[in-house]
Amino acid sequence: MDIQYAYTILYVKDVPQTMAFYQNALGFEQKFITPEQDYGEIVSGATTIAFANLELATSNLKDGFVTSRLEQKPFGIELAFTTSDVQKAVDRAVEHGAVLLSALQTKPWGQDVAYIRDLNGFIIELCTPMGGGE
């Protein structure tokens, strides 16, 4: 059996608005969006990050799920993106609506790390690659 990690799908209220945030705040490009605008994907490297609206998600999960909301505590999961300039990435994201969760800090192993929340309340880690360099 050959299993590969292919997608992370976030359930969101508004797919086009969320995709615009990821494009403007983090610089990702749109890969695909359905004509109904209830599901979309961004170009994010080897693993696709996708967004499904709450109605589509509910149709797939009949027993429901916990919806991520900015006004509530975040889930215990994060999306991590590497960059050579964490502070610049944080500043750009906040300028486009992200909420700063934890300011830039250098970890004991030398990695620069900061945490923000997107407009749906999901945690995003912005960090330098492990081992330095990009």
C-alpha atoms as a PDB file:
ATOM      1  CA  MET A   1       0.000   0.000   0.000  1.00  0.00           C
ATOM      2  CA  ASP A   2       1.348   3.428  -0.959  1.00  0.00           C
ATOM      3  CA  ILE A   3      -0.004   6.317   1.140  1.00  0.00           C
ATOM      4  CA  GLN A   4       1.147   9.898   0.663  1.00  0.00           C
ATOM      5  CA  TYR A   5       0.081  13.068   2.404  1.00  0.00           C
ATOM      6  CA  ALA A   6      -1.703  15.079  -0.283  1.00  0.00           C
ATOM      7  CA  TYR A   7      -4.102  17.677   1.176  1.00  0.00           C
ATOM      8  CA  THR A   8      -4.866  19.752   4.197  1.00  0.00           C
ATOM      9  CA  ILE A   9      -8.433  21.038   3.904  1.00  0.00           C
ATOM     10  CA  LEU A  10      -9.598  23.805   6.208  1.00  0.00           C
ATOM     11  CA  TYR A  11     -13.339  24.271   6.720  1.00  0.00           C
ATOM     12  CA  VAL A  12     -14.102  27.971   6.399  1.00  0.00           C
ATOM     13  CA  LYS A  13     -17.074  30.298   6.189  1.00  0.00           C
ATOM     14  CA  ASP A  14     -16.038  32.008   2.941  1.00  0.00           C
ATOM     15  CA  VAL A  15     -13.702  30.218   0.491  1.00  0.00           C
ATOM     16  CA  PRO A  16     -12.974  33.158  -1.873  1.00  0.00           C
ATOM     17  CA  GLN A  17     -12.286  35.508   1.068  1.00  0.00           C
ATOM     18  CA  THR A  18      -9.989  32.943   2.698  1.00  0.00           C
ATOM     19  CA  MET A  19      -8.127  32.319  -0.543  1.00  0.00           C
ATOM     20  CA  ALA A  20      -7.687  36.067  -1.026  1.00  0.00           C
ATOM     21  CA  PHE A  21      -6.198  36.272   2.480  1.00  0.00           C
ATOM     22  CA  TYR A  22      -3.663  33.516   1.730  1.00  0.00           C
ATOM     23  CA  GLN A  23      -2.810  35.186  -1.588  1.00  0.00           C
ATOM     24  CA  ASN A  24      -2.438  38.715  -0.193  1.00  0.00           C
ATOM     25  CA  ALA A  25      -1.054  37.974   3.261  1.00  0.00           C
ATOM     26  CA  LEU A  26       1.283  35.095   2.431  1.00  0.00           C
ATOM     27  CA  GLY A  27       1.827  35.337  -1.324  1.00  0.00           C
ATOM     28  CA  PHE A  28       0.304  32.008  -2.406  1.00  0.00           C
ATOM     29  CA  GLU A  29      -1.371  31.659  -5.808  1.00  0.00           C
ATOM     30  CA  GLN A  30      -4.810  30.232  -6.495  1.00  0.00           C
ATOM     31  CA  LYS A  31      -4.629  26.741  -7.990  1.00  0.00           C
ATOM     32  CA  PHE A  32      -8.327  25.921  -8.349  1.00  0.00           C
ATOM     33  CA  ILE A  33     -11.779  27.039  -7.224  1.00  0.00           C
ATOM     34  CA  THR A  34     -15.117  25.385  -8.016  1.00  0.00           C
ATOM     35  CA  PRO A  35     -17.714  27.342  -9.997  1.00  0.00           C
ATOM     36  CA  GLU A  36     -19.853  27.297  -6.829  1.00  0.00           C
ATOM     37  CA  GLN A  37     -16.894  28.809  -4.914  1.00  0.00           C
ATOM     38  CA  ASP A  38     -17.405  26.278  -2.129  1.00  0.00           C
ATOM     39  CA  TYR A  39     -13.993  24.604  -2.504  1.00  0.00           C
ATOM     40  CA  GLY A  40     -10.635  25.968  -3.555  1.00  0.00           C
ATOM     41  CA  GLU A  41      -6.932  25.161  -3.509  1.00  0.00           C
ATOM     42  CA  ILE A  42      -3.776  27.260  -3.362  1.00  0.00           C
ATOM     43  CA  VAL A  43      -0.342  26.457  -4.753  1.00  0.00           C
ATOM     44  CA  SER A  44       1.589  25.690  -1.588  1.00  0.00           C
ATOM     45  CA  GLY A  45       4.339  23.256  -2.514  1.00  0.00           C
ATOM     46  CA  ALA A  46       4.238  19.465  -2.487  1.00  0.00           C
ATOM     47  CA  THR A  47       1.174  19.292  -0.239  1.00  0.00           C
ATOM     48  CA  THR A  48      -1.985  21.102  -1.334  1.00  0.00           C
ATOM     49  CA  ILE A  49      -3.745  23.418   1.077  1.00  0.00           C
ATOM     50  CA  ALA A  50      -7.443  23.595   0.297  1.00  0.00           C
ATOM     51  CA  PHE A  51     -10.524  25.291   1.700  1.00  0.00           C
ATOM     52  CA  ALA A  52     -14.080  23.976   1.819  1.00  0.00           C
ATOM     53  CA  ASN A  53     -17.006  26.092   2.938  1.00  0.00           C
ATOM     54  CA  LEU A  54     -18.963  25.048   5.996  1.00  0.00           C
ATOM     55  CA  GLU A  55     -21.965  23.872   3.992  1.00  0.00           C
ATOM     56  CA  LEU A  56     -19.849  21.541   1.829  1.00  0.00           C
ATOM     57  CA  ALA A  57     -18.018  20.251   4.903  1.00  0.00           C
ATOM     58  CA  THR A  58     -21.333  19.572   6.644  1.00  0.00           C
ATOM     59  CA  SER A  59     -22.538  17.600   3.614  1.00  0.00           C
ATOM     60  CA  ASN A  60     -19.463  15.358   3.958  1.00  0.00           C
ATOM     61  CA  LEU A  61     -19.569  15.016   7.760  1.00  0.00           C
ATOM     62  CA  LYS A  62     -23.179  14.385   8.732  1.00  0.00           C
ATOM     63  CA  ASP A  63     -22.429  14.322  12.485  1.00  0.00           C
ATOM     64  CA  GLY A  64     -20.826  17.776  12.314  1.00  0.00           C
ATOM     65  CA  PHE A  65     -17.502  19.189  13.491  1.00  0.00           C
ATOM     66  CA  VAL A  66     -16.121  22.042  15.577  1.00  0.00           C
ATOM     67  CA  THR A  67     -15.854  25.220  13.513  1.00  0.00           C
ATOM     68  CA  SER A  68     -12.709  27.311  13.891  1.00  0.00           C
ATOM     69  CA  ARG A  69     -13.533  30.873  14.938  1.00  0.00           C
ATOM     70  CA  LEU A  70     -11.176  33.766  15.542  1.00  0.00           C
ATOM     71  CA  GLU A  71     -13.047  34.799  18.688  1.00  0.00           C
ATOM     72  CA  GLN A  72     -12.427  31.375  20.301  1.00  0.00           C
ATOM     73  CA  LYS A  73      -9.240  29.616  21.380  1.00  0.00           C
ATOM     74  CA  PRO A  74      -7.461  28.061  18.402  1.00  0.00           C
ATOM     75  CA  PHE A  75      -7.365  24.361  17.681  1.00  0.00           C
ATOM     76  CA  GLY A  76      -4.246  22.465  18.739  1.00  0.00           C
ATOM     77  CA  ILE A  77      -2.950  22.294  15.173  1.00  0.00           C
ATOM     78  CA  GLU A  78      -1.041  24.685  12.947  1.00  0.00           C
ATOM     79  CA  LEU A  79       0.037  25.246   9.385  1.00  0.00           C
ATOM     80  CA  ALA A  80       3.791  25.953   9.263  1.00  0.00           C
ATOM     81  CA  PHE A  81       5.408  27.921   6.458  1.00  0.00           C
ATOM     82  CA  THR A  82       9.134  28.526   6.137  1.00  0.00           C
ATOM     83  CA  THR A  83      10.646  31.800   5.026  1.00  0.00           C
ATOM     84  CA  SER A  84      14.046  33.450   5.191  1.00  0.00           C
ATOM     85  CA  ASP A  85      12.508  36.633   6.708  1.00  0.00           C
ATOM     86  CA  VAL A  86       9.970  35.774   9.397  1.00  0.00           C
ATOM     87  CA  GLN A  87       9.395  39.347  10.571  1.00  0.00           C
ATOM     88  CA  LYS A  88       8.677  40.581   7.053  1.00  0.00           C
ATOM     89  CA  ALA A  89       6.214  37.711   6.546  1.00  0.00           C
ATOM     90  CA  VAL A  90       4.502  38.458   9.874  1.00  0.00           C
ATOM     91  CA  ASP A  91       4.229  42.173   9.078  1.00  0.00           C
ATOM     92  CA  ARG A  92       2.724  41.457   5.647  1.00  0.00           C
ATOM     93  CA  ALA A  93       0.235  38.959   7.072  1.00  0.00           C
ATOM     94  CA  VAL A  94      -0.888  41.308   9.859  1.00  0.00           C
ATOM     95  CA  GLU A  95      -1.259  44.111   7.318  1.00  0.00           C
ATOM     96  CA  HIS A  96      -3.716  41.858   5.457  1.00  0.00           C
ATOM     97  CA  GLY A  97      -5.804  40.846   8.463  1.00  0.00           C
ATOM     98  CA  ALA A  98      -3.865  38.195  10.364  1.00  0.00           C
ATOM     99  CA  VAL A  99      -3.859  38.406  14.150  1.00  0.00           C
ATOM    100  CA  LEU A 100      -0.474  38.210  15.877  1.00  0.00           C
ATOM    101  CA  LEU A 101      -0.490  35.323  18.330  1.00  0.00           C
ATOM    102  CA  SER A 102       3.177  35.192  19.342  1.00  0.00           C
ATOM    103  CA  ALA A 103       5.861  37.640  18.226  1.00  0.00           C
ATOM    104  CA  LEU A 104       9.090  36.591  16.580  1.00  0.00           C
ATOM    105  CA  GLN A 105      11.450  34.687  18.824  1.00  0.00           C
ATOM    106  CA  THR A 106      14.612  32.708  18.222  1.00  0.00           C
ATOM    107  CA  LYS A 107      14.406  29.171  19.549  1.00  0.00           C
ATOM    108  CA  PRO A 108      17.386  27.634  21.410  1.00  0.00           C
ATOM    109  CA  TRP A 109      18.221  25.621  18.270  1.00  0.00           C
ATOM    110  CA  GLY A 110      18.503  28.865  16.237  1.00  0.00           C
ATOM    111  CA  GLN A 111      15.218  28.810  14.346  1.00  0.00           C
ATOM    112  CA  ASP A 112      13.225  32.070  14.119  1.00  0.00           C
ATOM    113  CA  VAL A 113       9.536  31.461  14.795  1.00  0.00           C
ATOM    114  CA  ALA A 114       6.362  33.570  15.063  1.00  0.00           C
ATOM    115  CA  TYR A 115       2.683  32.634  15.226  1.00  0.00           C
ATOM    116  CA  ILE A 116      -0.348  34.339  13.698  1.00  0.00           C
ATOM    117  CA  ARG A 117      -3.997  33.401  13.199  1.00  0.00           C
ATOM    118  CA  ASP A 118      -5.737  33.675   9.856  1.00  0.00           C
ATOM    119  CA  LEU A 119      -9.154  35.295   9.463  1.00  0.00           C
ATOM    120  CA  ASN A 120     -10.841  31.980  10.342  1.00  0.00           C
ATOM    121  CA  GLY A 121      -8.809  31.540  13.518  1.00  0.00           C
ATOM    122  CA  PHE A 122      -6.430  28.834  12.285  1.00  0.00           C
ATOM    123  CA  ILE A 123      -2.876  29.004  13.661  1.00  0.00           C
ATOM    124  CA  ILE A 124      -0.089  29.715  11.193  1.00  0.00           C
ATOM    125  CA  GLU A 125       3.555  29.313  12.165  1.00  0.00           C
ATOM    126  CA  LEU A 126       5.991  31.409  10.163  1.00  0.00           C
ATOM    127  CA  CYS A 127       9.546  30.184  10.657  1.00  0.00           C
ATOM    128  CA  THR A 128      12.971  29.850   9.164  1.00  0.00           C
ATOM    129  CA  PRO A 129      13.787  26.372   7.876  1.00  0.00           C
ATOM    130  CA  MET A 130      15.323  23.970  10.364  1.00  0.00           C
ATOM    131  CA  GLY A 131      19.082  24.121  10.132  1.00  0.00           C
ATOM    132  CA  GLY A 132      19.075  27.690   8.810  1.00  0.00           C
ATOM    133  CA  GLY A 133      18.963  28.843   5.231  1.00  0.00           C
ATOM    134  CA  GLU A 134      16.074  28.290   2.861  1.00  0.00           C
END
